[in-house]
Amino acid sequence: MLALARTAIVSALGGQAVPPGLSGSFSRKLGVFVTLQVHGKLRGCIGVIEPRDSLGENIIHCAQGAAFRDPRFPALGAEELHGLEIEISLLSDLFPIAPEVIQIGKHGLVIATEDHRGLLLPQVATEHHLSREEFLAETCHKAGLPRHAWRDPQTEIYGFTCEIFREGSTGAVSG
């Protein structure tokens, strides 16, 4: 998966297509996020929550999206490849979750209203040392909602778990 993501980025930089022929576990339909860091700093993160395409297609799309289409950052340049680190998060299915059940480091969150939706991966809470309430507030903020919107009974809160793969190591956050 990590090699596929890197190949997708390098191929796009060179104006080439990614070689076809993905099968096996790449044909499954899973939610996935690809996070890019250059020299330890966030450089892009794009994902698919509810997959319509295969895992392989989603990894290619999300890796290229994180590198070249994340609106928070300029497109990745070839000179940044030497410092590029890739992380892939495979998402479980979403499930309704009560705020008091959320476990920091285990659960990712989706906050949704009729007009807004925001997602934060489980590692965001641990990396930023967030409490459960801060994690909920940050997810609301990501959705473009007031930070306290998670307390509104009309706001839907979903949890998910991830299996996380990083270049140089493999870790799992699941359950």
Protein backbone atom coordinates (compact mmCIF):
# COMPACT_ATOMS: atom_id res chain seq x y z
CA MET A 1 0.00 0.00 0.00
CA LEU A 2 2.75 2.43 0.93
CA ALA A 3 4.70 1.58 -2.22
CA LEU A 4 1.57 2.10 -4.31
CA ALA A 5 0.98 5.53 -2.73
CA ARG A 6 4.59 6.59 -3.35
CA THR A 7 4.45 5.28 -6.94
CA ALA A 8 1.23 7.24 -7.52
CA ILE A 9 2.88 10.47 -6.34
CA VAL A 10 6.17 9.97 -8.21
CA SER A 11 4.31 8.95 -11.39
CA ALA A 12 2.13 12.06 -11.24
CA LEU A 13 5.19 14.28 -10.77
CA GLY A 14 6.68 12.71 -13.91
CA GLY A 15 3.44 12.99 -15.87
CA GLN A 16 3.07 9.21 -16.04
CA ALA A 17 0.15 6.93 -15.26
CA VAL A 18 0.30 4.43 -12.42
CA PRO A 19 0.81 0.90 -13.78
CA PRO A 20 -2.46 -1.11 -13.71
CA GLY A 21 -2.86 -4.65 -12.44
CA LEU A 22 -3.98 -4.28 -8.82
CA SER A 23 -5.79 -7.30 -7.47
CA GLY A 24 -6.22 -9.32 -4.29
CA SER A 25 -6.60 -7.19 -1.18
CA PHE A 26 -6.39 -4.04 -3.33
CA SER A 27 -9.78 -4.94 -4.81
CA ARG A 28 -11.60 -4.63 -1.44
CA LYS A 29 -13.71 -1.56 -0.76
CA LEU A 30 -12.44 0.24 2.35
CA GLY A 31 -12.36 3.81 3.54
CA VAL A 32 -8.81 5.13 3.42
CA PHE A 33 -6.88 8.30 4.25
CA VAL A 34 -3.41 9.12 2.96
CA THR A 35 -1.43 11.56 5.09
CA LEU A 36 1.81 13.11 3.83
CA GLN A 37 4.52 14.72 5.90
CA VAL A 38 7.71 16.35 4.65
CA HIS A 39 10.45 16.52 7.26
CA GLY A 40 7.89 15.78 9.98
CA LYS A 41 5.43 18.52 9.01
CA LEU A 42 1.94 17.89 7.63
CA ARG A 43 1.97 18.37 3.86
CA GLY A 44 -1.39 16.93 2.84
CA CYS A 45 -4.17 14.59 3.89
CA ILE A 46 -7.00 13.36 1.68
CA GLY A 47 -9.33 10.44 2.20
CA VAL A 48 -12.46 8.54 1.32
CA ILE A 49 -14.91 7.71 4.11
CA GLU A 50 -17.47 5.70 2.14
CA PRO A 51 -15.63 3.98 -0.71
CA ARG A 52 -17.17 3.47 -4.11
CA ASP A 53 -13.94 2.30 -5.75
CA SER A 54 -11.42 -0.39 -4.85
CA LEU A 55 -8.79 0.14 -2.16
CA GLY A 56 -6.07 0.30 -4.80
CA GLU A 57 -7.88 2.99 -6.79
CA ASN A 58 -8.62 4.93 -3.60
CA ILE A 59 -4.98 4.80 -2.47
CA ILE A 60 -3.85 6.18 -5.84
CA HIS A 61 -6.53 8.90 -5.83
CA CYS A 62 -5.94 9.89 -2.20
CA ALA A 63 -2.13 9.87 -2.45
CA GLN A 64 -2.24 12.12 -5.51
CA GLY A 65 -4.92 14.27 -3.90
CA ALA A 66 -2.88 14.72 -0.71
CA ALA A 67 0.21 15.58 -2.74
CA PHE A 68 -1.35 17.91 -5.30
CA ARG A 69 -4.92 18.89 -4.39
CA ASP A 70 -5.14 19.45 -0.62
CA PRO A 71 -6.42 23.07 -0.59
CA ARG A 72 -4.40 23.86 2.56
CA PHE A 73 -1.05 23.39 0.81
CA PRO A 74 0.66 24.11 -2.51
CA ALA A 75 1.29 21.12 -4.77
CA LEU A 76 4.15 18.88 -3.68
CA GLY A 77 7.38 19.52 -5.60
CA ALA A 78 9.93 16.96 -6.78
CA GLU A 79 12.51 18.53 -4.43
CA GLU A 80 10.35 17.47 -1.46
CA LEU A 81 10.37 13.73 -2.29
CA HIS A 82 13.53 13.04 -0.28
CA GLY A 83 11.81 14.21 2.93
CA LEU A 84 8.39 12.69 2.17
CA GLU A 85 6.84 10.25 4.65
CA ILE A 86 3.56 8.50 3.85
CA GLU A 87 0.95 7.21 6.28
CA ILE A 88 -2.11 5.20 5.24
CA SER A 89 -5.12 4.77 7.52
CA LEU A 90 -7.62 2.04 6.64
CA LEU A 91 -11.00 2.88 8.16
CA SER A 92 -13.53 0.52 9.68
CA ASP A 93 -17.19 1.08 8.93
CA LEU A 94 -18.71 4.07 10.75
CA PHE A 95 -20.86 3.39 13.81
CA PRO A 96 -22.92 5.72 16.01
CA ILE A 97 -20.99 6.50 19.19
CA ALA A 98 -21.93 8.28 22.41
CA PRO A 99 -19.45 10.93 23.59
CA GLU A 100 -18.79 9.15 26.88
CA VAL A 101 -17.75 5.96 25.04
CA ILE A 102 -15.09 7.60 22.85
CA GLN A 103 -11.59 6.29 23.59
CA ILE A 104 -8.71 8.60 22.73
CA GLY A 105 -6.25 6.83 20.44
CA LYS A 106 -8.74 4.12 19.50
CA HIS A 107 -11.64 5.97 17.89
CA GLY A 108 -11.69 8.42 15.03
CA LEU A 109 -14.70 10.71 14.78
CA VAL A 110 -17.13 11.97 12.20
CA ILE A 111 -19.45 14.81 13.23
CA ALA A 112 -22.37 15.36 10.89
CA THR A 113 -25.35 17.67 10.58
CA GLU A 114 -27.68 18.15 7.66
CA ASP A 115 -25.25 20.60 6.01
CA HIS A 116 -21.82 19.85 7.49
CA ARG A 117 -19.50 16.91 8.06
CA GLY A 118 -16.00 16.69 9.49
CA LEU A 119 -13.63 13.83 10.27
CA LEU A 120 -10.57 13.47 12.46
CA LEU A 121 -8.46 10.31 12.52
CA PRO A 122 -7.75 8.65 15.89
CA GLN A 123 -4.07 9.61 15.78
CA VAL A 124 -4.98 13.32 15.73
CA ALA A 125 -6.22 13.14 19.32
CA THR A 126 -3.08 11.42 20.59
CA GLU A 127 -0.64 13.53 18.56
CA HIS A 128 -2.20 16.74 19.91
CA HIS A 129 -2.88 15.41 23.44
CA LEU A 130 -6.60 16.15 23.20
CA SER A 131 -9.14 15.24 25.83
CA ARG A 132 -12.39 13.58 24.71
CA GLU A 133 -14.23 16.94 24.80
CA GLU A 134 -11.41 18.70 22.93
CA PHE A 135 -11.44 15.95 20.29
CA LEU A 136 -15.19 16.40 19.83
CA ALA A 137 -14.78 20.20 19.64
CA GLU A 138 -11.95 19.94 17.09
CA THR A 139 -14.02 17.58 14.94
CA CYS A 140 -16.90 20.10 15.04
CA HIS A 141 -14.45 22.84 14.03
CA LYS A 142 -13.23 20.67 11.13
CA ALA A 143 -16.88 20.32 10.04
CA GLY A 144 -17.29 24.10 10.04
CA LEU A 145 -19.58 23.98 13.07
CA PRO A 146 -19.41 25.75 16.42
CA ARG A 147 -17.07 23.87 18.76
CA HIS A 148 -19.95 22.91 21.08
CA ALA A 149 -22.18 21.54 18.28
CA TRP A 150 -21.49 17.96 19.38
CA ARG A 151 -23.75 18.63 22.40
CA ASP A 152 -26.75 19.38 20.14
CA PRO A 153 -29.10 16.36 19.94
CA GLN A 154 -29.48 16.96 16.18
CA THR A 155 -25.75 16.48 15.62
CA GLU A 156 -24.77 12.95 14.65
CA ILE A 157 -21.56 11.51 16.08
CA TYR A 158 -19.95 8.48 14.48
CA GLY A 159 -16.87 6.55 15.49
CA PHE A 160 -14.51 4.33 13.56
CA THR A 161 -11.22 2.57 14.11
CA CYS A 162 -8.16 2.47 11.87
CA GLU A 163 -5.38 0.19 10.89
CA ILE A 164 -2.43 2.49 10.30
CA PHE A 165 0.59 1.90 8.08
CA ARG A 166 3.59 4.24 8.05
CA GLU A 167 6.73 4.12 6.00
CA GLY A 168 9.40 2.49 8.12
CA SER A 169 6.93 0.94 10.57
CA THR A 170 3.56 -0.70 10.82
CA GLY A 171 1.10 -0.10 13.59
CA ALA A 172 -2.50 -0.89 14.19
CA VAL A 173 -5.16 1.05 16.00
CA SER A 174 -8.20 -1.16 15.85
CA GLY A 175 -10.88 -2.72 17.94
